[in-house]
Amino acid sequence: MKKILTCLLLTMIIAAPAMANDLPISIQADLDMYLGYKMGIRFDVNDKLDIVSGFGANVLFPTQYCFSTYASYKTMEIHDTWHIGVNFGVLQGVFDNTAVIGERYVYVNPGLSMYLTYPISDKIRIGAQGGMVFMIGYDRGRWGSSLEPIMGISFIYSE
């Protein structure tokens, strides 16, 4: 829980000056189906494209860190409320550097997902995504890969 609060505070400290200067930056909190909780920043490149980066920890296993860095492309807007689009990039990655050397692991999972967001207030949007990732990782002393589903929910705070 301390790591999650630390991620939240760090994100706020980094994003607050940028939001005060009217830069196109939002704060985003994600929870994925693997129970990875990430706090991050969403940078609006233009009306259609955003760059999202987040870092956090697993809710059940706090020694497991998770991260994501991806682009989010808005394909459709319905009545200026619903946003529908595509996320592509490293949608989810995990690592555990605190375990004994033989039990450390790292996964980098590039993928593609569809997303849908809806405003629940003037400054907060809630979203959901679903898609597939190609898991590439080093675990138990060997490299492996597989195709896996990815789902998650997001909360986006913007000025």
N, C-alpha and C. Protein backbone atom coordinates (compact mmCIF):
# COMPACT_ATOMS: atom_id res chain seq x y z
N MET A 1 0.81 -1.19 0.00
CA MET A 1 0.00 0.00 0.00
C MET A 1 0.86 1.26 0.00
N LYS A 2 2.01 1.20 0.68
CA LYS A 2 2.91 2.35 0.72
C LYS A 2 3.43 2.67 -0.67
N LYS A 3 3.72 1.64 -1.47
CA LYS A 3 4.24 1.85 -2.81
C LYS A 3 3.19 2.49 -3.71
N ILE A 4 1.95 2.10 -3.55
CA ILE A 4 0.88 2.68 -4.35
C ILE A 4 0.70 4.15 -4.00
N LEU A 5 0.72 4.47 -2.72
CA LEU A 5 0.62 5.87 -2.30
C LEU A 5 1.82 6.68 -2.78
N THR A 6 3.00 6.07 -2.74
CA THR A 6 4.19 6.75 -3.24
C THR A 6 4.06 7.05 -4.73
N CYS A 7 3.55 6.10 -5.51
CA CYS A 7 3.33 6.31 -6.95
C CYS A 7 2.34 7.45 -7.18
N LEU A 8 1.28 7.47 -6.39
CA LEU A 8 0.29 8.52 -6.52
C LEU A 8 0.89 9.89 -6.22
N LEU A 9 1.62 10.00 -5.13
CA LEU A 9 2.23 11.28 -4.77
C LEU A 9 3.27 11.72 -5.79
N LEU A 10 4.08 10.81 -6.27
CA LEU A 10 5.09 11.14 -7.27
C LEU A 10 4.44 11.65 -8.55
N THR A 11 3.38 11.00 -8.98
CA THR A 11 2.67 11.43 -10.19
C THR A 11 2.09 12.81 -10.00
N MET A 12 1.52 13.06 -8.84
CA MET A 12 0.95 14.39 -8.57
C MET A 12 2.03 15.47 -8.57
N ILE A 13 3.18 15.17 -7.96
CA ILE A 13 4.28 16.14 -7.90
C ILE A 13 4.80 16.45 -9.29
N ILE A 14 4.89 15.44 -10.15
CA ILE A 14 5.40 15.64 -11.51
C ILE A 14 4.37 16.37 -12.37
N ALA A 15 3.11 16.00 -12.24
CA ALA A 15 2.08 16.54 -13.13
C ALA A 15 1.56 17.91 -12.71
N ALA A 16 1.62 18.26 -11.43
CA ALA A 16 1.05 19.52 -10.96
C ALA A 16 1.62 20.75 -11.65
N PRO A 17 2.95 20.90 -11.77
CA PRO A 17 3.47 22.08 -12.48
C PRO A 17 3.06 22.12 -13.95
N ALA A 18 3.02 20.95 -14.58
CA ALA A 18 2.64 20.91 -15.99
C ALA A 18 1.18 21.30 -16.17
N MET A 19 0.31 20.85 -15.27
CA MET A 19 -1.11 21.20 -15.37
C MET A 19 -1.33 22.68 -15.06
N ALA A 20 -0.52 23.23 -14.16
CA ALA A 20 -0.64 24.65 -13.83
C ALA A 20 -0.25 25.53 -15.01
N ASN A 21 0.66 25.06 -15.85
CA ASN A 21 1.11 25.83 -17.01
C ASN A 21 0.26 25.54 -18.24
N ASP A 22 -0.89 24.91 -18.07
CA ASP A 22 -1.82 24.58 -19.16
C ASP A 22 -1.20 23.70 -20.23
N LEU A 23 -0.27 22.86 -19.85
CA LEU A 23 0.22 21.86 -20.79
C LEU A 23 -0.84 20.77 -20.92
N PRO A 24 -0.90 20.12 -22.07
CA PRO A 24 -1.94 19.10 -22.27
C PRO A 24 -1.61 17.78 -21.57
N ILE A 25 -1.59 17.80 -20.25
CA ILE A 25 -1.23 16.60 -19.47
C ILE A 25 -2.37 16.26 -18.52
N SER A 26 -2.68 14.98 -18.42
CA SER A 26 -3.68 14.47 -17.50
C SER A 26 -3.03 13.43 -16.61
N ILE A 27 -3.67 13.16 -15.47
CA ILE A 27 -3.22 12.10 -14.57
C ILE A 27 -4.11 10.89 -14.81
N GLN A 28 -3.51 9.73 -14.92
CA GLN A 28 -4.27 8.51 -15.20
C GLN A 28 -3.94 7.42 -14.19
N ALA A 29 -4.96 6.74 -13.69
CA ALA A 29 -4.80 5.58 -12.80
C ALA A 29 -5.40 4.38 -13.50
N ASP A 30 -4.65 3.28 -13.55
CA ASP A 30 -5.09 2.07 -14.23
C ASP A 30 -5.09 0.88 -13.28
N LEU A 31 -6.02 -0.03 -13.48
CA LEU A 31 -6.03 -1.32 -12.81
C LEU A 31 -6.29 -2.35 -13.89
N ASP A 32 -5.33 -3.28 -14.09
CA ASP A 32 -5.50 -4.27 -15.14
C ASP A 32 -5.96 -5.61 -14.57
N MET A 33 -6.24 -6.55 -15.45
CA MET A 33 -6.80 -7.84 -15.03
C MET A 33 -5.82 -8.68 -14.22
N TYR A 34 -4.53 -8.34 -14.26
CA TYR A 34 -3.52 -9.04 -13.47
C TYR A 34 -3.32 -8.35 -12.11
N LEU A 35 -4.22 -7.42 -11.78
CA LEU A 35 -4.22 -6.63 -10.54
C LEU A 35 -3.00 -5.73 -10.40
N GLY A 36 -2.50 -5.26 -11.52
CA GLY A 36 -1.45 -4.26 -11.51
C GLY A 36 -2.07 -2.88 -11.44
N TYR A 37 -1.73 -2.10 -10.41
CA TYR A 37 -2.25 -0.75 -10.22
C TYR A 37 -1.15 0.22 -10.62
N LYS A 38 -1.43 1.07 -11.62
CA LYS A 38 -0.44 2.01 -12.13
C LYS A 38 -0.97 3.43 -12.06
N MET A 39 -0.09 4.34 -11.71
CA MET A 39 -0.37 5.78 -11.78
C MET A 39 0.53 6.34 -12.87
N GLY A 40 0.00 7.25 -13.67
CA GLY A 40 0.82 7.78 -14.73
C GLY A 40 0.33 9.08 -15.29
N ILE A 41 0.97 9.46 -16.36
CA ILE A 41 0.69 10.73 -17.03
C ILE A 41 0.24 10.44 -18.45
N ARG A 42 -0.76 11.19 -18.90
CA ARG A 42 -1.29 11.09 -20.26
C ARG A 42 -1.02 12.43 -20.94
N PHE A 43 -0.19 12.42 -21.98
CA PHE A 43 0.18 13.64 -22.70
C PHE A 43 -0.59 13.70 -24.01
N ASP A 44 -1.36 14.77 -24.20
CA ASP A 44 -2.15 14.95 -25.42
C ASP A 44 -1.27 15.53 -26.51
N VAL A 45 -0.93 14.73 -27.50
CA VAL A 45 -0.12 15.19 -28.62
C VAL A 45 -0.97 16.08 -29.53
N ASN A 46 -2.17 15.61 -29.86
CA ASN A 46 -3.14 16.40 -30.63
C ASN A 46 -4.54 15.91 -30.27
N ASP A 47 -5.54 16.29 -31.05
CA ASP A 47 -6.92 15.91 -30.74
C ASP A 47 -7.16 14.40 -30.79
N LYS A 48 -6.36 13.69 -31.55
CA LYS A 48 -6.58 12.25 -31.74
C LYS A 48 -5.59 11.36 -31.01
N LEU A 49 -4.37 11.83 -30.74
CA LEU A 49 -3.30 10.98 -30.24
C LEU A 49 -2.83 11.41 -28.85
N ASP A 50 -2.73 10.45 -27.94
CA ASP A 50 -2.19 10.66 -26.60
C ASP A 50 -1.06 9.67 -26.37
N ILE A 51 -0.08 10.07 -25.57
CA ILE A 51 0.98 9.17 -25.12
C ILE A 51 0.78 8.95 -23.62
N VAL A 52 0.73 7.69 -23.20
CA VAL A 52 0.44 7.34 -21.81
C VAL A 52 1.61 6.56 -21.24
N SER A 53 2.02 6.92 -20.03
CA SER A 53 3.09 6.21 -19.35
C SER A 53 2.72 6.08 -17.87
N GLY A 54 2.86 4.88 -17.33
CA GLY A 54 2.51 4.67 -15.94
C GLY A 54 3.41 3.66 -15.26
N PHE A 55 3.46 3.74 -13.94
CA PHE A 55 4.27 2.84 -13.13
C PHE A 55 3.52 2.55 -11.84
N GLY A 56 3.64 1.31 -11.34
CA GLY A 56 2.95 0.97 -10.11
C GLY A 56 3.37 -0.37 -9.57
N ALA A 57 2.47 -0.97 -8.81
CA ALA A 57 2.74 -2.25 -8.17
C ALA A 57 1.50 -3.13 -8.26
N ASN A 58 1.71 -4.42 -8.04
CA ASN A 58 0.62 -5.37 -8.02
C ASN A 58 -0.09 -5.25 -6.67
N VAL A 59 -1.41 -5.30 -6.69
CA VAL A 59 -2.19 -5.13 -5.48
C VAL A 59 -1.95 -6.29 -4.51
N LEU A 60 -1.88 -7.53 -5.01
CA LEU A 60 -1.69 -8.70 -4.15
C LEU A 60 -0.23 -9.00 -3.82
N PHE A 61 0.67 -8.71 -4.76
CA PHE A 61 2.09 -8.98 -4.58
C PHE A 61 2.85 -7.67 -4.71
N PRO A 62 3.02 -6.92 -3.61
CA PRO A 62 3.62 -5.58 -3.70
C PRO A 62 5.08 -5.56 -4.13
N THR A 63 5.76 -6.71 -4.18
CA THR A 63 7.13 -6.72 -4.69
C THR A 63 7.15 -6.79 -6.21
N GLN A 64 5.99 -7.02 -6.83
CA GLN A 64 5.91 -7.07 -8.29
C GLN A 64 5.56 -5.67 -8.80
N TYR A 65 6.47 -5.07 -9.53
CA TYR A 65 6.26 -3.75 -10.10
C TYR A 65 5.68 -3.90 -11.50
N CYS A 66 4.87 -2.94 -11.91
CA CYS A 66 4.29 -2.99 -13.25
C CYS A 66 4.44 -1.62 -13.91
N PHE A 67 4.43 -1.62 -15.23
CA PHE A 67 4.62 -0.39 -15.98
C PHE A 67 3.89 -0.49 -17.31
N SER A 68 3.70 0.64 -17.95
CA SER A 68 3.12 0.68 -19.29
C SER A 68 3.56 1.97 -19.99
N THR A 69 3.75 1.87 -21.28
CA THR A 69 4.06 3.02 -22.14
C THR A 69 3.43 2.72 -23.49
N TYR A 70 2.43 3.50 -23.83
CA TYR A 70 1.73 3.22 -25.08
C TYR A 70 1.12 4.49 -25.67
N ALA A 71 0.72 4.38 -26.92
CA ALA A 71 0.02 5.47 -27.59
C ALA A 71 -1.47 5.13 -27.62
N SER A 72 -2.28 6.14 -27.51
CA SER A 72 -3.72 5.97 -27.52
C SER A 72 -4.29 6.84 -28.63
N TYR A 73 -4.91 6.20 -29.63
CA TYR A 73 -5.42 6.91 -30.79
C TYR A 73 -6.95 6.89 -30.76
N LYS A 74 -7.55 8.08 -30.68
CA LYS A 74 -9.01 8.18 -30.65
C LYS A 74 -9.55 8.06 -32.07
N THR A 75 -10.36 7.04 -32.30
CA THR A 75 -10.92 6.82 -33.64
C THR A 75 -12.31 7.40 -33.80
N MET A 76 -13.04 7.55 -32.68
CA MET A 76 -14.41 8.02 -32.78
C MET A 76 -14.81 8.77 -31.51
N GLU A 77 -15.65 9.76 -31.68
CA GLU A 77 -16.20 10.52 -30.56
C GLU A 77 -17.70 10.60 -30.78
N ILE A 78 -18.49 10.16 -29.79
CA ILE A 78 -19.94 10.15 -29.93
C ILE A 78 -20.52 11.22 -29.02
N HIS A 79 -21.14 12.23 -29.60
CA HIS A 79 -21.80 13.32 -28.87
C HIS A 79 -20.87 13.99 -27.86
N ASP A 80 -19.59 14.06 -28.15
CA ASP A 80 -18.60 14.72 -27.30
C ASP A 80 -18.53 14.11 -25.89
N THR A 81 -19.00 12.87 -25.72
CA THR A 81 -18.93 12.22 -24.41
C THR A 81 -18.16 10.91 -24.51
N TRP A 82 -18.66 9.98 -25.28
CA TRP A 82 -17.99 8.68 -25.43
C TRP A 82 -16.79 8.83 -26.36
N HIS A 83 -15.63 8.34 -25.93
CA HIS A 83 -14.45 8.29 -26.79
C HIS A 83 -14.13 6.82 -27.03
N ILE A 84 -13.93 6.46 -28.27
CA ILE A 84 -13.60 5.09 -28.65
C ILE A 84 -12.29 5.15 -29.42
N GLY A 85 -11.37 4.22 -29.12
CA GLY A 85 -10.09 4.25 -29.81
C GLY A 85 -9.28 2.99 -29.64
N VAL A 86 -8.00 3.12 -30.00
CA VAL A 86 -7.07 2.00 -29.99
C VAL A 86 -5.85 2.38 -29.17
N ASN A 87 -5.40 1.47 -28.31
CA ASN A 87 -4.14 1.62 -27.58
C ASN A 87 -3.14 0.65 -28.19
N PHE A 88 -1.90 1.12 -28.40
CA PHE A 88 -0.86 0.23 -28.94
C PHE A 88 0.48 0.62 -28.35
N GLY A 89 1.27 -0.39 -28.03
CA GLY A 89 2.57 -0.20 -27.40
C GLY A 89 2.76 -1.23 -26.30
N VAL A 90 3.56 -0.91 -25.29
CA VAL A 90 3.75 -1.80 -24.15
C VAL A 90 2.57 -1.55 -23.20
N LEU A 91 1.53 -2.37 -23.34
CA LEU A 91 0.32 -2.18 -22.55
C LEU A 91 0.50 -2.63 -21.11
N GLN A 92 1.40 -3.58 -20.89
CA GLN A 92 1.64 -4.04 -19.53
C GLN A 92 3.00 -4.73 -19.48
N GLY A 93 3.75 -4.40 -18.48
CA GLY A 93 5.02 -5.06 -18.22
C GLY A 93 5.17 -5.24 -16.73
N VAL A 94 5.85 -6.30 -16.32
CA VAL A 94 6.05 -6.54 -14.89
C VAL A 94 7.48 -7.00 -14.63
N PHE A 95 7.95 -6.73 -13.42
CA PHE A 95 9.25 -7.26 -13.00
C PHE A 95 9.27 -7.35 -11.49
N ASP A 96 10.12 -8.25 -10.98
CA ASP A 96 10.32 -8.42 -9.55
C ASP A 96 11.82 -8.53 -9.33
N ASN A 97 12.40 -7.45 -8.85
CA ASN A 97 13.84 -7.42 -8.63
C ASN A 97 14.19 -7.64 -7.16
N THR A 98 13.19 -7.89 -6.33
CA THR A 98 13.44 -8.04 -4.91
C THR A 98 13.57 -9.49 -4.48
N ALA A 99 13.21 -10.44 -5.34
CA ALA A 99 13.29 -11.85 -4.99
C ALA A 99 14.74 -12.33 -5.07
N VAL A 100 14.97 -13.55 -4.60
CA VAL A 100 16.30 -14.14 -4.73
C VAL A 100 16.63 -14.27 -6.21
N ILE A 101 17.90 -14.32 -6.54
CA ILE A 101 18.34 -14.22 -7.93
C ILE A 101 17.68 -15.26 -8.84
N GLY A 102 17.50 -16.46 -8.41
CA GLY A 102 16.89 -17.49 -9.26
C GLY A 102 15.40 -17.31 -9.49
N GLU A 103 14.75 -16.46 -8.73
CA GLU A 103 13.30 -16.27 -8.86
C GLU A 103 12.91 -14.91 -9.43
N ARG A 104 13.86 -14.13 -9.88
CA ARG A 104 13.55 -12.83 -10.48
C ARG A 104 12.96 -13.04 -11.88
N TYR A 105 12.11 -12.12 -12.28
CA TYR A 105 11.49 -12.21 -13.60
C TYR A 105 11.23 -10.83 -14.16
N VAL A 106 11.08 -10.79 -15.47
CA VAL A 106 10.70 -9.56 -16.16
C VAL A 106 9.89 -9.94 -17.40
N TYR A 107 8.79 -9.23 -17.62
CA TYR A 107 7.94 -9.42 -18.79
C TYR A 107 7.69 -8.06 -19.43
N VAL A 108 7.82 -8.00 -20.73
CA VAL A 108 7.48 -6.82 -21.51
C VAL A 108 6.43 -7.27 -22.50
N ASN A 109 5.25 -6.65 -22.44
CA ASN A 109 4.10 -7.15 -23.19
C ASN A 109 3.55 -6.11 -24.16
N PRO A 110 4.10 -6.06 -25.38
CA PRO A 110 3.53 -5.15 -26.38
C PRO A 110 2.20 -5.72 -26.87
N GLY A 111 1.30 -4.82 -27.21
CA GLY A 111 0.01 -5.31 -27.67
C GLY A 111 -0.87 -4.23 -28.26
N LEU A 112 -2.11 -4.61 -28.47
CA LEU A 112 -3.12 -3.77 -29.10
C LEU A 112 -4.43 -3.98 -28.37
N SER A 113 -5.12 -2.88 -28.05
CA SER A 113 -6.42 -3.02 -27.38
C SER A 113 -7.35 -1.92 -27.85
N MET A 114 -8.63 -2.18 -27.71
CA MET A 114 -9.66 -1.17 -27.96
C MET A 114 -10.02 -0.55 -26.62
N TYR A 115 -10.35 0.72 -26.62
CA TYR A 115 -10.75 1.36 -25.37
C TYR A 115 -12.01 2.19 -25.59
N LEU A 116 -12.70 2.44 -24.48
CA LEU A 116 -13.91 3.22 -24.45
C LEU A 116 -13.87 4.06 -23.17
N THR A 117 -14.07 5.39 -23.27
CA THR A 117 -14.10 6.23 -22.08
C THR A 117 -15.39 7.05 -22.06
N TYR A 118 -15.78 7.44 -20.85
CA TYR A 118 -16.99 8.23 -20.65
C TYR A 118 -16.75 9.19 -19.48
N PRO A 119 -17.18 10.45 -19.59
CA PRO A 119 -16.98 11.39 -18.48
C PRO A 119 -17.97 11.14 -17.34
N ILE A 120 -17.44 11.06 -16.12
CA ILE A 120 -18.33 10.95 -14.96
C ILE A 120 -18.45 12.29 -14.23
N SER A 121 -17.59 13.24 -14.58
CA SER A 121 -17.71 14.62 -14.11
C SER A 121 -16.99 15.50 -15.13
N ASP A 122 -16.88 16.79 -14.83
CA ASP A 122 -16.22 17.70 -15.77
C ASP A 122 -14.74 17.38 -15.95
N LYS A 123 -14.10 16.86 -14.91
CA LYS A 123 -12.66 16.65 -14.95
C LYS A 123 -12.24 15.19 -14.92
N ILE A 124 -13.17 14.26 -14.69
CA ILE A 124 -12.81 12.84 -14.54
C ILE A 124 -13.53 12.00 -15.57
N ARG A 125 -12.77 11.14 -16.23
CA ARG A 125 -13.31 10.18 -17.19
C ARG A 125 -13.02 8.77 -16.67
N ILE A 126 -13.91 7.85 -16.93
CA ILE A 126 -13.69 6.45 -16.61
C ILE A 126 -13.61 5.71 -17.93
N GLY A 127 -12.70 4.74 -18.00
CA GLY A 127 -12.52 4.02 -19.24
C GLY A 127 -12.29 2.54 -19.02
N ALA A 128 -12.46 1.79 -20.09
CA ALA A 128 -12.21 0.36 -20.08
C ALA A 128 -11.48 0.00 -21.37
N GLN A 129 -10.60 -1.00 -21.27
CA GLN A 129 -9.90 -1.46 -22.47
C GLN A 129 -9.88 -2.98 -22.48
N GLY A 130 -9.78 -3.52 -23.67
CA GLY A 130 -9.67 -4.97 -23.83
C GLY A 130 -8.94 -5.27 -25.12
N GLY A 131 -8.04 -6.25 -25.07
CA GLY A 131 -7.28 -6.59 -26.26
C GLY A 131 -6.34 -7.75 -26.01
N MET A 132 -5.26 -7.80 -26.77
CA MET A 132 -4.28 -8.89 -26.68
C MET A 132 -2.88 -8.31 -26.59
N VAL A 133 -2.03 -9.02 -25.83
CA VAL A 133 -0.61 -8.66 -25.73
C VAL A 133 0.22 -9.89 -26.07
N PHE A 134 1.40 -9.64 -26.58
CA PHE A 134 2.36 -10.70 -26.85
C PHE A 134 3.36 -10.68 -25.70
N MET A 135 3.22 -11.62 -24.76
CA MET A 135 4.09 -11.66 -23.58
C MET A 135 5.47 -12.17 -23.96
N ILE A 136 6.46 -11.38 -23.64
CA ILE A 136 7.86 -11.76 -23.83
C ILE A 136 8.52 -11.61 -22.47
N GLY A 137 9.08 -12.69 -21.93
CA GLY A 137 9.62 -12.56 -20.59
C GLY A 137 10.68 -13.56 -20.23
N TYR A 138 11.41 -13.21 -19.18
CA TYR A 138 12.44 -14.07 -18.60
C TYR A 138 11.96 -14.46 -17.22
N ASP A 139 11.74 -15.76 -17.01
CA ASP A 139 11.20 -16.27 -15.76
C ASP A 139 11.73 -17.68 -15.52
N ARG A 140 12.12 -17.96 -14.29
CA ARG A 140 12.63 -19.28 -13.89
C ARG A 140 13.83 -19.72 -14.74
N GLY A 141 14.68 -18.77 -15.05
CA GLY A 141 15.92 -19.08 -15.74
C GLY A 141 15.83 -19.27 -17.23
N ARG A 142 14.70 -18.94 -17.84
CA ARG A 142 14.60 -19.10 -19.30
C ARG A 142 13.66 -18.04 -19.89
N TRP A 143 13.83 -17.82 -21.19
CA TRP A 143 12.99 -16.88 -21.92
C TRP A 143 11.77 -17.60 -22.47
N GLY A 144 10.66 -16.91 -22.55
CA GLY A 144 9.44 -17.48 -23.11
C GLY A 144 8.55 -16.41 -23.69
N SER A 145 7.53 -16.86 -24.39
CA SER A 145 6.58 -15.92 -24.98
C SER A 145 5.22 -16.61 -25.12
N SER A 146 4.19 -15.81 -25.16
CA SER A 146 2.84 -16.33 -25.37
C SER A 146 1.91 -15.16 -25.72
N LEU A 147 0.78 -15.49 -26.28
CA LEU A 147 -0.24 -14.51 -26.60
C LEU A 147 -1.28 -14.54 -25.47
N GLU A 148 -1.55 -13.39 -24.85
CA GLU A 148 -2.41 -13.32 -23.67
C GLU A 148 -3.43 -12.19 -23.82
N PRO A 149 -4.60 -12.33 -23.19
CA PRO A 149 -5.57 -11.22 -23.20
C PRO A 149 -5.14 -10.15 -22.21
N ILE A 150 -5.66 -8.95 -22.41
CA ILE A 150 -5.44 -7.84 -21.47
C ILE A 150 -6.76 -7.07 -21.36
N MET A 151 -7.13 -6.77 -20.14
CA MET A 151 -8.31 -5.95 -19.87
C MET A 151 -7.99 -5.05 -18.69
N GLY A 152 -8.65 -3.93 -18.62
CA GLY A 152 -8.40 -3.03 -17.50
C GLY A 152 -9.38 -1.87 -17.47
N ILE A 153 -9.34 -1.16 -16.36
CA ILE A 153 -10.14 0.05 -16.22
C ILE A 153 -9.20 1.22 -15.92
N SER A 154 -9.64 2.41 -16.27
CA SER A 154 -8.82 3.60 -16.09
C SER A 154 -9.67 4.75 -15.55
N PHE A 155 -9.02 5.61 -14.77
CA PHE A 155 -9.59 6.86 -14.34
C PHE A 155 -8.64 7.95 -14.81
N ILE A 156 -9.17 8.94 -15.51
CA ILE A 156 -8.36 10.01 -16.09
C ILE A 156 -8.83 11.34 -15.50
N TYR A 157 -7.89 12.05 -14.88
CA TYR A 157 -8.18 13.37 -14.33
C TYR A 157 -7.48 14.41 -15.17
N SER A 158 -8.24 15.37 -15.69
CA SER A 158 -7.65 16.44 -16.50
C SER A 158 -8.30 17.77 -16.15
N GLU A 159 -7.56 18.82 -16.34
CA GLU A 159 -8.05 20.18 -16.06
C GLU A 159 -8.89 20.67 -17.22
